């Protein structure tokens, strides 16, 4: 099997990489600036927002890896053989998923600048759900510490 990679101009790939990174950042900013995130503890709506943001980050990094693969090899099978993995989008999406959720089977190894992005994606995969649960616990604790008011009491 011969691997044929269609080369795209470096300027176009760089522009698409920037757009993809902006997309990922916008999703993360949306999650943390959203009023529902700040004011609620666990809720179905908040859980689905986290799911959508995590899915968007997964797809965003999958696209980023694909765009990087248009310029150079981004994944190999092992350090000893350094055999490149074909830049199939589904394989890159799979790599993104196993990186985001810190599974790391070891069947694909990032090389070059992809290693930096894989570390960043792994940090997001750990910190984003942690931030969600810490916020949910904090709000839940604050609500438990508030005195219970009877229906007849007036607000001051």
C-alpha atoms as a PDB file:
ATOM      1  CA  UNK A   1       0.000   0.000   0.000  1.00  0.00           C
ATOM      2  CA  UNK A   2       1.411   3.333  -1.075  1.00  0.00           C
ATOM      3  CA  UNK A   3       0.592   6.359   1.013  1.00  0.00           C
ATOM      4  CA  UNK A   4      -0.406   9.370  -1.085  1.00  0.00           C
ATOM      5  CA  UNK A   5      -0.814  12.623   0.775  1.00  0.00           C
ATOM      6  CA  UNK A   6      -2.371  15.560  -0.984  1.00  0.00           C
ATOM      7  CA  UNK A   7      -0.294  18.607  -0.199  1.00  0.00           C
ATOM      8  CA  UNK A   8      -2.078  21.860   0.521  1.00  0.00           C
ATOM      9  CA  UNK A   9      -0.344  25.221   0.585  1.00  0.00           C
ATOM     10  CA  UNK A  10       1.327  25.990   3.913  1.00  0.00           C
ATOM     11  CA  UNK A  11      -0.467  29.339   4.171  1.00  0.00           C
ATOM     12  CA  UNK A  12      -3.877  27.686   3.820  1.00  0.00           C
ATOM     13  CA  UNK A  13      -3.057  25.005   6.395  1.00  0.00           C
ATOM     14  CA  UNK A  14      -1.743  27.615   8.841  1.00  0.00           C
ATOM     15  CA  UNK A  15      -4.903  29.705   8.413  1.00  0.00           C
ATOM     16  CA  UNK A  16      -7.126  26.657   8.999  1.00  0.00           C
ATOM     17  CA  UNK A  17      -5.091  25.695  12.073  1.00  0.00           C
ATOM     18  CA  UNK A  18      -5.653  29.189  13.513  1.00  0.00           C
ATOM     19  CA  UNK A  19      -9.400  29.022  12.749  1.00  0.00           C
ATOM     20  CA  UNK A  20      -9.611  25.603  14.403  1.00  0.00           C
ATOM     21  CA  UNK A  21      -7.789  26.802  17.524  1.00  0.00           C
ATOM     22  CA  UNK A  22     -10.134  29.800  17.724  1.00  0.00           C
ATOM     23  CA  UNK A  23     -13.111  27.405  17.467  1.00  0.00           C
ATOM     24  CA  UNK A  24     -11.770  25.342  20.369  1.00  0.00           C
ATOM     25  CA  UNK A  25     -11.133  28.463  22.484  1.00  0.00           C
ATOM     26  CA  UNK A  26     -14.609  29.874  21.793  1.00  0.00           C
ATOM     27  CA  UNK A  27     -16.181  26.638  23.032  1.00  0.00           C
ATOM     28  CA  UNK A  28     -14.109  26.718  26.202  1.00  0.00           C
ATOM     29  CA  UNK A  29     -14.881  30.408  26.825  1.00  0.00           C
ATOM     30  CA  UNK A  30     -18.585  29.764  26.229  1.00  0.00           C
ATOM     31  CA  UNK A  31     -18.559  27.037  28.845  1.00  0.00           C
ATOM     32  CA  UNK A  32     -16.949  29.159  31.543  1.00  0.00           C
ATOM     33  CA  UNK A  33     -18.840  32.392  30.831  1.00  0.00           C
ATOM     34  CA  UNK A  34     -22.273  30.826  30.638  1.00  0.00           C
ATOM     35  CA  UNK A  35     -24.551  31.870  33.505  1.00  0.00           C
ATOM     36  CA  UNK A  36     -25.911  28.349  33.950  1.00  0.00           C
ATOM     37  CA  UNK A  37     -22.408  27.129  34.763  1.00  0.00           C
ATOM     38  CA  UNK A  38     -21.933  29.817  37.420  1.00  0.00           C
ATOM     39  CA  UNK A  39     -25.275  29.527  39.198  1.00  0.00           C
ATOM     40  CA  UNK A  40     -26.173  25.861  39.319  1.00  0.00           C
ATOM     41  CA  UNK A  41     -25.002  22.627  40.791  1.00  0.00           C
ATOM     42  CA  UNK A  42     -25.551  19.389  38.914  1.00  0.00           C
ATOM     43  CA  UNK A  43     -28.271  19.626  36.361  1.00  0.00           C
ATOM     44  CA  UNK A  44     -29.089  17.748  33.215  1.00  0.00           C
ATOM     45  CA  UNK A  45     -28.739  20.910  31.152  1.00  0.00           C
ATOM     46  CA  UNK A  46     -25.281  21.604  32.580  1.00  0.00           C
ATOM     47  CA  UNK A  47     -24.215  18.026  32.006  1.00  0.00           C
ATOM     48  CA  UNK A  48     -25.274  18.189  28.358  1.00  0.00           C
ATOM     49  CA  UNK A  49     -23.423  21.488  27.940  1.00  0.00           C
ATOM     50  CA  UNK A  50     -20.275  19.838  29.268  1.00  0.00           C
ATOM     51  CA  UNK A  51     -20.862  16.905  26.919  1.00  0.00           C
ATOM     52  CA  UNK A  52     -21.279  19.222  23.940  1.00  0.00           C
ATOM     53  CA  UNK A  53     -18.169  21.233  24.848  1.00  0.00           C
ATOM     54  CA  UNK A  54     -16.103  18.053  25.326  1.00  0.00           C
ATOM     55  CA  UNK A  55     -17.383  16.689  22.005  1.00  0.00           C
ATOM     56  CA  UNK A  56     -16.577  19.996  20.302  1.00  0.00           C
ATOM     57  CA  UNK A  57     -13.064  19.982  21.749  1.00  0.00           C
ATOM     58  CA  UNK A  58     -12.619  16.358  20.601  1.00  0.00           C
ATOM     59  CA  UNK A  59     -13.750  17.155  17.052  1.00  0.00           C
ATOM     60  CA  UNK A  60     -11.810  20.433  17.049  1.00  0.00           C
ATOM     61  CA  UNK A  61      -8.558  18.698  17.924  1.00  0.00           C
ATOM     62  CA  UNK A  62      -9.358  15.933  15.414  1.00  0.00           C
ATOM     63  CA  UNK A  63      -9.637  18.604  12.718  1.00  0.00           C
ATOM     64  CA  UNK A  64      -6.450  20.255  14.003  1.00  0.00           C
ATOM     65  CA  UNK A  65      -4.540  16.960  13.751  1.00  0.00           C
ATOM     66  CA  UNK A  66      -5.950  16.406  10.249  1.00  0.00           C
ATOM     67  CA  UNK A  67      -4.864  19.875   9.141  1.00  0.00           C
ATOM     68  CA  UNK A  68      -1.401  19.320  10.577  1.00  0.00           C
ATOM     69  CA  UNK A  69      -1.234  15.974   8.758  1.00  0.00           C
ATOM     70  CA  UNK A  70      -1.644  17.816   5.453  1.00  0.00           C
ATOM     71  CA  UNK A  71       1.776  19.397   6.048  1.00  0.00           C
ATOM     72  CA  UNK A  72       3.677  16.521   7.650  1.00  0.00           C
ATOM     73  CA  UNK A  73       3.385  13.165   9.393  1.00  0.00           C
ATOM     74  CA  UNK A  74       1.716  13.633  12.796  1.00  0.00           C
ATOM     75  CA  UNK A  75       1.269  10.067  14.086  1.00  0.00           C
ATOM     76  CA  UNK A  76       3.514   7.012  14.010  1.00  0.00           C
ATOM     77  CA  UNK A  77       3.035   3.414  15.164  1.00  0.00           C
ATOM     78  CA  UNK A  78       6.129   3.231  17.395  1.00  0.00           C
ATOM     79  CA  UNK A  79       9.294   5.120  18.208  1.00  0.00           C
ATOM     80  CA  UNK A  80      11.497   2.299  16.961  1.00  0.00           C
ATOM     81  CA  UNK A  81       9.903   1.842  13.532  1.00  0.00           C
ATOM     82  CA  UNK A  82       8.641   5.421  13.113  1.00  0.00           C
ATOM     83  CA  UNK A  83       6.170   4.029  10.564  1.00  0.00           C
ATOM     84  CA  UNK A  84       3.740   6.842   9.702  1.00  0.00           C
ATOM     85  CA  UNK A  85       0.013   6.344  10.173  1.00  0.00           C
ATOM     86  CA  UNK A  86      -2.102   7.391   7.200  1.00  0.00           C
ATOM     87  CA  UNK A  87      -3.864  10.716   7.868  1.00  0.00           C
ATOM     88  CA  UNK A  88      -7.368   9.266   7.840  1.00  0.00           C
ATOM     89  CA  UNK A  89      -9.779  11.650   9.598  1.00  0.00           C
ATOM     90  CA  UNK A  90     -11.463   8.867  11.587  1.00  0.00           C
ATOM     91  CA  UNK A  91      -8.088   7.655  12.883  1.00  0.00           C
ATOM     92  CA  UNK A  92      -7.186  11.206  13.876  1.00  0.00           C
ATOM     93  CA  UNK A  93     -10.581  11.635  15.564  1.00  0.00           C
ATOM     94  CA  UNK A  94      -9.947   8.378  17.428  1.00  0.00           C
ATOM     95  CA  UNK A  95      -6.508   9.642  18.512  1.00  0.00           C
ATOM     96  CA  UNK A  96      -8.134  12.892  19.653  1.00  0.00           C
ATOM     97  CA  UNK A  97     -10.665  10.945  21.738  1.00  0.00           C
ATOM     98  CA  UNK A  98      -8.128   8.691  23.395  1.00  0.00           C
ATOM     99  CA  UNK A  99      -5.995  11.750  24.170  1.00  0.00           C
ATOM    100  CA  UNK A 100      -8.850  13.945  25.482  1.00  0.00           C
ATOM    101  CA  UNK A 101     -10.111  11.211  27.787  1.00  0.00           C
ATOM    102  CA  UNK A 102      -6.570  10.191  28.819  1.00  0.00           C
ATOM    103  CA  UNK A 103      -6.967   6.614  27.598  1.00  0.00           C
ATOM    104  CA  UNK A 104      -3.666   6.451  25.700  1.00  0.00           C
ATOM    105  CA  UNK A 105      -3.659   2.933  24.285  1.00  0.00           C
ATOM    106  CA  UNK A 106      -0.233   3.465  22.746  1.00  0.00           C
ATOM    107  CA  UNK A 107      -1.238   2.336  19.252  1.00  0.00           C
ATOM    108  CA  UNK A 108      -0.606   5.845  17.890  1.00  0.00           C
ATOM    109  CA  UNK A 109       2.205   8.157  18.951  1.00  0.00           C
ATOM    110  CA  UNK A 110       2.254  11.872  18.129  1.00  0.00           C
ATOM    111  CA  UNK A 111       5.433  13.389  16.739  1.00  0.00           C
ATOM    112  CA  UNK A 112       6.620  16.910  16.124  1.00  0.00           C
ATOM    113  CA  UNK A 113       4.323  19.796  17.063  1.00  0.00           C
ATOM    114  CA  UNK A 114       1.460  17.294  17.428  1.00  0.00           C
ATOM    115  CA  UNK A 115       2.952  16.256  20.769  1.00  0.00           C
ATOM    116  CA  UNK A 116       2.401  19.770  22.131  1.00  0.00           C
ATOM    117  CA  UNK A 117      -1.219  19.806  20.983  1.00  0.00           C
ATOM    118  CA  UNK A 118      -1.769  16.300  22.412  1.00  0.00           C
ATOM    119  CA  UNK A 119      -0.512  17.515  25.810  1.00  0.00           C
ATOM    120  CA  UNK A 120      -2.785  20.549  25.632  1.00  0.00           C
ATOM    121  CA  UNK A 121      -5.778  18.376  24.711  1.00  0.00           C
ATOM    122  CA  UNK A 122      -4.994  15.979  27.542  1.00  0.00           C
ATOM    123  CA  UNK A 123      -4.847  18.869  30.034  1.00  0.00           C
ATOM    124  CA  UNK A 124      -8.218  20.148  28.812  1.00  0.00           C
ATOM    125  CA  UNK A 125      -9.628  16.627  29.119  1.00  0.00           C
ATOM    126  CA  UNK A 126      -8.587  16.469  32.754  1.00  0.00           C
ATOM    127  CA  UNK A 127      -9.198  20.057  33.872  1.00  0.00           C
ATOM    128  CA  UNK A 128     -12.540  20.792  32.198  1.00  0.00           C
ATOM    129  CA  UNK A 129     -14.541  18.024  33.925  1.00  0.00           C
ATOM    130  CA  UNK A 130     -12.652  18.731  37.158  1.00  0.00           C
ATOM    131  CA  UNK A 131     -13.658  22.402  37.003  1.00  0.00           C
ATOM    132  CA  UNK A 132     -17.271  21.371  36.376  1.00  0.00           C
ATOM    133  CA  UNK A 133     -17.377  19.050  39.381  1.00  0.00           C
ATOM    134  CA  UNK A 134     -15.571  21.496  41.675  1.00  0.00           C
ATOM    135  CA  UNK A 135     -18.050  24.233  40.747  1.00  0.00           C
ATOM    136  CA  UNK A 136     -20.974  21.849  41.257  1.00  0.00           C
ATOM    137  CA  UNK A 137     -19.647  20.858  44.698  1.00  0.00           C
ATOM    138  CA  UNK A 138     -19.013  24.486  45.681  1.00  0.00           C
ATOM    139  CA  UNK A 139     -22.523  25.593  44.728  1.00  0.00           C
ATOM    140  CA  UNK A 140     -24.047  22.565  46.444  1.00  0.00           C
ATOM    141  CA  UNK A 141     -22.076  23.316  49.625  1.00  0.00           C
ATOM    142  CA  UNK A 142     -23.119  26.977  49.570  1.00  0.00           C
ATOM    143  CA  UNK A 143     -26.771  26.024  49.160  1.00  0.00           C
ATOM    144  CA  UNK A 144     -26.554  23.638  52.130  1.00  0.00           C
ATOM    145  CA  UNK A 145     -25.079  26.383  54.345  1.00  0.00           C
ATOM    146  CA  UNK A 146     -27.840  28.904  53.607  1.00  0.00           C
ATOM    147  CA  UNK A 147     -30.546  29.111  56.272  1.00  0.00           C
ATOM    148  CA  UNK A 148     -33.933  27.741  55.303  1.00  0.00           C
ATOM    149  CA  UNK A 149     -36.492  30.522  55.069  1.00  0.00           C
ATOM    150  CA  UNK A 150     -40.181  30.073  55.731  1.00  0.00           C
ATOM    151  CA  UNK A 151     -42.696  31.214  53.133  1.00  0.00           C
ATOM    152  CA  UNK A 152     -43.957  34.077  55.281  1.00  0.00           C
ATOM    153  CA  UNK A 153     -40.589  35.808  55.774  1.00  0.00           C
ATOM    154  CA  UNK A 154     -40.009  39.018  53.849  1.00  0.00           C
ATOM    155  CA  UNK A 155     -36.750  39.672  52.066  1.00  0.00           C
ATOM    156  CA  UNK A 156     -34.708  42.528  53.436  1.00  0.00           C
END
